[in-house]
Protein backbone atom coordinates (compact mmCIF):
# COMPACT_ATOMS: atom_id res chain seq x y z
CA MET A 1 94.57 29.98 132.34
CA GLU A 2 94.18 33.57 131.13
CA PHE A 3 93.34 34.24 127.48
CA ASN A 4 92.86 37.60 125.81
CA ASP A 5 90.43 37.35 122.89
CA THR A 6 91.49 40.68 121.38
CA GLU A 7 94.82 41.96 120.10
CA LYS A 8 96.64 45.06 121.24
CA ARG A 9 97.44 47.74 118.69
CA ILE A 10 101.01 47.99 117.43
CA PHE A 11 102.17 51.59 116.96
CA ARG A 12 105.09 52.59 114.77
CA ASP A 13 107.21 55.34 116.32
CA GLY A 14 104.45 55.87 118.86
CA GLU A 15 101.70 56.54 116.31
CA PRO A 16 99.17 54.20 114.63
CA VAL A 17 99.50 53.78 110.86
CA TYR A 18 96.20 54.57 109.09
CA VAL A 19 95.34 54.41 105.37
CA GLN A 20 92.15 55.56 103.65
CA SER A 21 92.65 54.43 100.04
CA LEU A 22 94.39 51.80 97.95
CA HIS A 23 96.81 54.42 96.67
CA GLU A 24 97.75 55.46 100.21
CA TYR A 25 98.13 51.80 101.25
CA ILE A 26 100.48 50.99 98.39
CA GLU A 27 102.56 54.08 99.11
CA LYS A 28 102.85 53.11 102.78
CA VAL A 29 103.80 49.50 101.99
CA MET A 30 106.44 50.62 99.49
CA ASP A 31 107.92 53.15 101.94
CA LEU A 32 108.12 50.55 104.71
CA THR A 33 109.64 47.94 102.39
CA TYR A 34 112.31 50.33 101.11
CA GLN A 35 113.15 51.36 104.67
CA ASN A 36 113.42 47.72 105.73
CA GLU A 37 115.43 46.72 102.64
CA LYS A 38 113.75 43.31 102.61
CA PRO A 39 110.19 42.12 101.90
CA TYR A 40 107.50 41.58 104.52
CA TRP A 41 104.83 38.92 104.81
CA TYR A 42 101.25 40.17 105.10
CA ARG A 43 98.04 39.10 106.84
CA GLY A 44 94.67 40.84 106.61
CA HIS A 45 92.14 40.94 109.44
CA GLY A 46 88.56 42.07 108.85
CA VAL A 47 88.50 43.29 112.46
CA ALA A 48 91.67 44.94 113.78
CA ASP A 49 91.09 43.60 117.30
CA TRP A 50 91.18 39.94 116.24
CA PRO A 51 94.07 38.10 117.93
CA LEU A 52 97.11 37.37 115.79
CA ILE A 53 97.22 33.66 116.65
CA PRO A 54 96.76 30.35 114.78
CA GLY A 55 93.26 28.88 114.75
CA ILE A 56 93.92 26.07 117.22
CA GLN A 57 94.96 28.57 119.89
CA ARG A 58 91.52 30.18 119.89
CA SER A 59 90.41 27.19 121.97
CA LEU A 60 92.91 28.13 124.71
CA LYS A 61 90.20 30.07 126.53
CA GLU A 62 88.27 26.81 126.99
CA MET A 63 91.20 24.93 128.57
CA GLU A 64 92.29 24.79 132.18
CA ASN A 65 96.00 24.35 131.40
CA LEU A 66 98.44 23.88 128.53
CA ASP A 67 98.62 20.09 128.96
CA GLU A 68 94.91 19.86 128.25
CA PHE A 69 95.29 22.18 125.24
CA TYR A 70 98.03 20.07 123.65
CA GLN A 71 96.11 16.86 124.31
CA LYS A 72 93.08 18.31 122.50
CA GLU A 73 95.29 19.42 119.63
CA ARG A 74 96.68 15.89 119.24
CA TYR A 75 93.16 14.47 119.40
CA SER A 76 92.12 16.77 116.55
CA THR A 77 95.07 15.95 114.29
CA ASN A 78 94.89 12.19 114.83
CA ASN A 79 91.11 12.22 114.37
CA PHE A 80 91.55 14.02 111.05
CA GLN A 81 94.10 11.44 109.88
CA CYS A 82 91.69 8.61 110.69
CA TYR A 83 88.65 10.04 108.93
CA ALA A 84 90.34 11.85 106.04
CA SER A 85 92.17 8.70 104.99
CA SER A 86 88.87 7.44 103.58
CA PHE A 87 88.49 10.48 101.29
CA LEU A 88 92.03 11.21 100.10
CA GLN A 89 93.09 9.33 97.01
CA ASN A 90 96.74 10.35 97.31
CA LYS A 91 97.10 10.68 101.05
CA PRO A 92 100.51 11.38 102.61
CA ALA A 93 102.33 8.77 104.67
CA MET A 94 100.84 8.66 108.18
CA GLY A 95 104.15 9.88 109.60
CA ASP A 96 104.40 12.86 107.23
CA PHE A 97 102.94 15.25 109.78
CA SER A 98 103.97 18.36 107.81
CA ALA A 99 101.85 17.29 104.83
CA TRP A 100 98.90 16.33 107.04
CA LEU A 101 98.94 19.65 108.88
CA THR A 102 99.02 21.54 105.58
CA ILE A 103 96.00 19.56 104.34
CA MET A 104 94.12 20.27 107.57
CA GLN A 105 94.81 23.99 107.23
CA HIS A 106 93.77 23.96 103.57
CA TYR A 107 90.35 22.48 104.39
CA GLY A 108 89.64 24.79 107.29
CA VAL A 109 90.53 22.66 110.32
CA ARG A 110 92.09 24.71 113.11
CA THR A 111 95.82 24.03 113.35
CA ARG A 112 99.01 25.59 114.70
CA LEU A 113 99.61 27.18 111.29
CA LEU A 114 98.91 30.89 110.78
CA ASP A 115 98.36 31.94 107.16
CA TRP A 116 100.21 34.87 105.58
CA SER A 117 100.71 36.09 102.03
CA ARG A 118 103.71 37.50 100.22
CA SER A 119 101.30 39.87 98.48
CA PRO A 120 100.19 43.05 100.27
CA LEU A 121 97.21 43.31 97.89
CA TYR A 122 95.81 39.88 98.74
CA ALA A 123 96.20 40.66 102.44
CA LEU A 124 94.25 43.88 101.87
CA TYR A 125 91.53 41.86 100.12
CA PHE A 126 91.14 39.64 103.19
CA ALA A 127 91.04 42.72 105.42
CA THR A 128 88.24 44.40 103.45
CA GLN A 129 86.18 41.60 101.83
CA ASN A 130 83.70 41.45 104.74
CA PHE A 131 83.11 45.20 104.89
CA GLU A 132 79.34 44.68 105.12
CA LYS A 133 79.51 42.11 107.94
CA TYR A 134 81.93 44.18 110.04
CA LYS A 135 80.96 47.64 108.80
CA GLU A 136 81.42 49.28 112.22
CA LYS A 137 84.87 47.76 112.85
CA ASP A 138 88.29 48.93 111.71
CA ALA A 139 90.26 46.37 109.69
CA CYS A 140 94.03 45.94 109.56
CA VAL A 141 96.90 44.39 107.65
CA TRP A 142 99.77 42.95 109.66
CA LEU A 143 103.32 43.07 108.26
CA LEU A 144 105.77 40.43 109.53
CA ASP A 145 109.56 40.64 109.25
CA THR A 146 110.65 37.00 109.05
CA HIS A 147 114.33 37.96 109.40
CA VAL A 148 113.65 39.49 112.83
CA LEU A 149 111.61 36.42 113.83
CA SER A 150 114.42 34.10 112.78
CA GLU A 151 116.98 36.03 114.80
CA TYR A 152 114.70 35.89 117.83
CA VAL A 153 114.06 32.12 117.78
CA HIS A 154 117.65 31.37 116.68
CA LEU A 155 117.12 27.74 115.67
CA GLU A 156 120.14 27.51 113.36
CA LYS A 157 123.71 28.79 113.56
CA LYS A 158 123.08 30.64 110.32
CA ASN A 159 120.08 32.98 110.32
CA ILE A 160 117.39 31.42 108.08
CA PRO A 161 114.46 33.86 107.59
CA TYR A 162 112.10 31.10 106.42
CA TYR A 163 112.03 27.36 105.75
CA HIS A 164 109.93 25.05 103.62
CA VAL A 165 107.43 22.90 105.45
CA GLN A 166 109.38 19.66 104.84
CA HIS A 167 112.58 21.00 106.44
CA ASN A 168 113.70 18.85 109.38
CA THR A 169 113.54 21.79 111.79
CA VAL A 170 109.92 22.48 110.80
CA LYS A 171 109.07 18.80 111.14
CA ASP A 172 110.31 18.95 114.71
CA VAL A 173 108.17 22.02 115.41
CA ILE A 174 105.13 20.18 113.99
CA TYR A 175 105.83 16.80 115.64
CA THR A 176 104.13 17.56 118.97
CA ALA A 177 100.90 18.48 117.17
CA PHE A 178 100.52 14.75 116.43
CA ARG A 179 102.48 12.83 119.03
CA GLU A 180 103.02 13.26 122.74
CA TYR A 181 106.68 13.62 123.54
CA HIS A 182 108.21 11.82 126.51
CA PRO A 183 111.40 13.74 127.18
CA GLN A 184 114.28 12.48 129.24
CA ARG A 185 113.23 9.01 130.28
CA TYR A 186 114.27 7.56 126.92
CA CYS A 187 117.57 9.44 126.65
CA ARG A 188 119.45 6.74 128.50
CA PHE A 189 118.98 4.56 125.42
CA GLY A 190 121.05 7.04 123.40
CA GLY A 191 120.95 7.18 119.61
CA GLU A 192 117.76 8.51 118.04
CA HIS A 193 116.07 8.95 121.43
CA LYS A 194 118.78 11.33 122.57
CA ARG A 195 118.80 13.21 119.27
CA ARG A 196 115.02 13.64 119.34
CA HIS A 197 115.22 14.90 122.90
CA GLU A 198 117.79 17.52 121.89
CA ARG A 199 115.63 18.62 118.94
CA TYR A 200 112.55 18.72 121.16
CA LEU A 201 114.27 21.05 123.65
CA LYS A 202 115.12 23.38 120.77
CA THR A 203 111.76 23.41 118.98
CA ASN A 204 109.00 22.69 121.52
CA ASN A 205 108.33 26.36 122.27
CA THR A 206 109.00 28.36 119.14
CA ILE A 207 107.58 29.95 115.98
CA VAL A 208 109.03 29.46 112.49
CA ALA A 209 108.18 30.99 109.11
CA CYS A 210 107.54 28.53 106.27
CA PHE A 211 106.79 28.16 102.59
CA PRO A 212 104.28 25.44 101.62
CA THR A 213 105.38 22.69 99.27
CA GLU A 214 101.95 21.75 97.88
CA THR A 215 100.99 22.73 94.32
CA ASP A 216 97.36 23.72 94.97
CA GLY A 217 96.21 26.56 92.70
CA ARG A 218 94.69 28.56 95.54
CA VAL A 219 97.93 28.44 97.52
CA TYR A 220 99.87 29.61 94.45
CA ASN A 221 97.37 32.37 93.61
CA GLN A 222 97.33 33.80 97.11
CA GLN A 223 101.13 33.59 97.39
CA SER A 224 100.50 31.70 100.60
CA VAL A 225 103.09 31.24 103.32
CA PHE A 226 102.62 30.59 107.02
CA THR A 227 104.11 30.59 110.48
CA VAL A 228 104.12 27.39 112.57
CA HIS A 229 103.50 27.90 116.29
CA SER A 230 104.61 25.30 118.82
CA SER A 231 104.54 28.17 121.33
CA VAL A 232 101.44 29.92 122.69
CA LYS A 233 103.42 33.15 123.06
CA ARG A 234 101.94 35.68 120.68
CA LEU A 235 103.87 37.42 117.96
CA THR A 236 102.80 40.75 119.50
CA GLU A 237 104.42 39.70 122.80
CA ILE A 238 107.66 38.90 120.99
CA HIS A 239 107.44 42.25 119.22
CA ASP A 240 107.19 44.02 122.59
CA GLU A 241 110.18 42.07 123.97
CA LEU A 242 112.29 43.06 120.99
CA LYS A 243 111.29 46.72 121.24
CA GLN A 244 112.23 46.78 124.93
CA ASP A 245 115.64 45.39 123.96
CA GLY A 246 116.06 48.07 121.30
CA LYS A 247 115.71 45.58 118.42
CA GLY A 248 113.90 46.07 115.11
CA ASP A 249 110.16 45.85 114.45
CA LEU A 250 108.90 42.28 114.18
CA LEU A 251 105.42 43.55 113.29
CA ILE A 252 103.85 46.62 111.75
CA GLU A 253 100.09 47.13 111.77
CA ILE A 254 98.36 49.15 109.05
CA ILE A 255 94.82 50.10 110.09
CA ILE A 256 91.94 50.59 107.64
CA PRO A 257 89.21 52.70 109.31
CA ALA A 258 85.74 51.15 109.09
CA GLY A 259 84.37 53.92 106.85
CA TYR A 260 86.96 53.29 104.12
CA LYS A 261 86.82 49.49 103.84
CA LYS A 262 84.14 49.39 101.12
CA ASP A 263 85.92 51.99 98.96
CA ILE A 264 89.23 50.17 99.21
CA PHE A 265 87.58 46.84 98.38
CA GLU A 266 86.06 48.40 95.24
CA GLN A 267 89.42 49.91 94.29
CA LEU A 268 91.02 46.48 94.57
CA PHE A 269 88.36 45.04 92.26
CA ILE A 270 89.03 47.73 89.66
CA CYS A 271 92.73 46.78 89.83
CA GLY A 272 92.00 43.10 89.23
CA ILE A 273 91.91 41.74 92.77
CA GLY A 274 88.45 40.18 93.08
CA HIS A 275 86.95 37.05 94.62
CA SER A 276 87.80 34.82 91.65
CA ASN A 277 91.43 35.99 91.55
CA VAL A 278 91.93 35.02 95.19
CA TYR A 279 89.77 31.88 94.99
CA PRO A 280 90.00 30.53 91.42
CA ASP A 281 86.77 28.51 91.29
CA MET A 282 83.27 28.77 89.82
CA GLU A 283 81.61 29.82 93.08
CA HIS A 284 83.80 32.90 93.46
CA LEU A 285 83.64 33.68 89.75
CA ALA A 286 79.86 33.89 90.18
CA LEU A 287 80.35 36.38 93.02
CA ASP A 288 82.44 38.61 90.76
CA ILE A 289 79.90 38.34 87.93
CA ARG A 290 77.15 39.44 90.31
CA ARG A 291 79.24 42.45 91.31
CA ILE A 292 79.53 43.49 87.67
CA ASN A 293 75.91 42.58 86.81
CA PRO A 294 73.77 42.77 89.99
CA TRP A 295 70.80 41.30 88.08
CA ALA A 296 72.74 38.13 87.15
């Protein structure tokens, strides 16, 4: 099974979009938002070539076929449920797969969720925070139009640009991350088996945009949202399909050249976007204090 570990560049009107300062970035975001007449979601990458895929799909390159990939995904989610149950005081019901997947994502386990933010400034922070580690690499911020994504997947009669994670449609998209689905052989029994089969056919190969429902402070601070991927098709592939059909831009990529990442990161800090704003805890507060007082 082929897997490309880098992402292609997305050009707007045939030209890449570059910014060299915070001021230029904000101007570009505002111009694009006004042109679009609706807000984008944002995701920052410290290296522009990183693939725009959820964490679990990075293991695709190690698999021989998709069946093996989905089996390994189910092994990971069920393993987490078994072990995490000993540590969580207020654990979700075992069948509340949406809540479990959100918890896994929160604690850094690779899942079929891809994190975004409603804030262009937080996305820029994530793109530039590792300027020392990736000092030779361009960074980027991805802009996602959830309205275009919704029209493409067309899961509801009425176009819904985003759901919340407990919506029944989202639960169906998440279901196969935890349980193997046996399609038609149970349909002869009718009732719930037939209904689940119909929902499976609609949601087993799709991507939906979601709001979280948890009240974690970090999620609130970062204005976190995410896309759920039951499909291994990349968002950049969907973008290309739509462009060939003369449809709108699903994605826009803003590139931050390597030489400007440090300056932009410092400009963000001056404007109040530092480590402890994004991660409100003592560890990241200490990082900000050390930036102000290097001797601390």
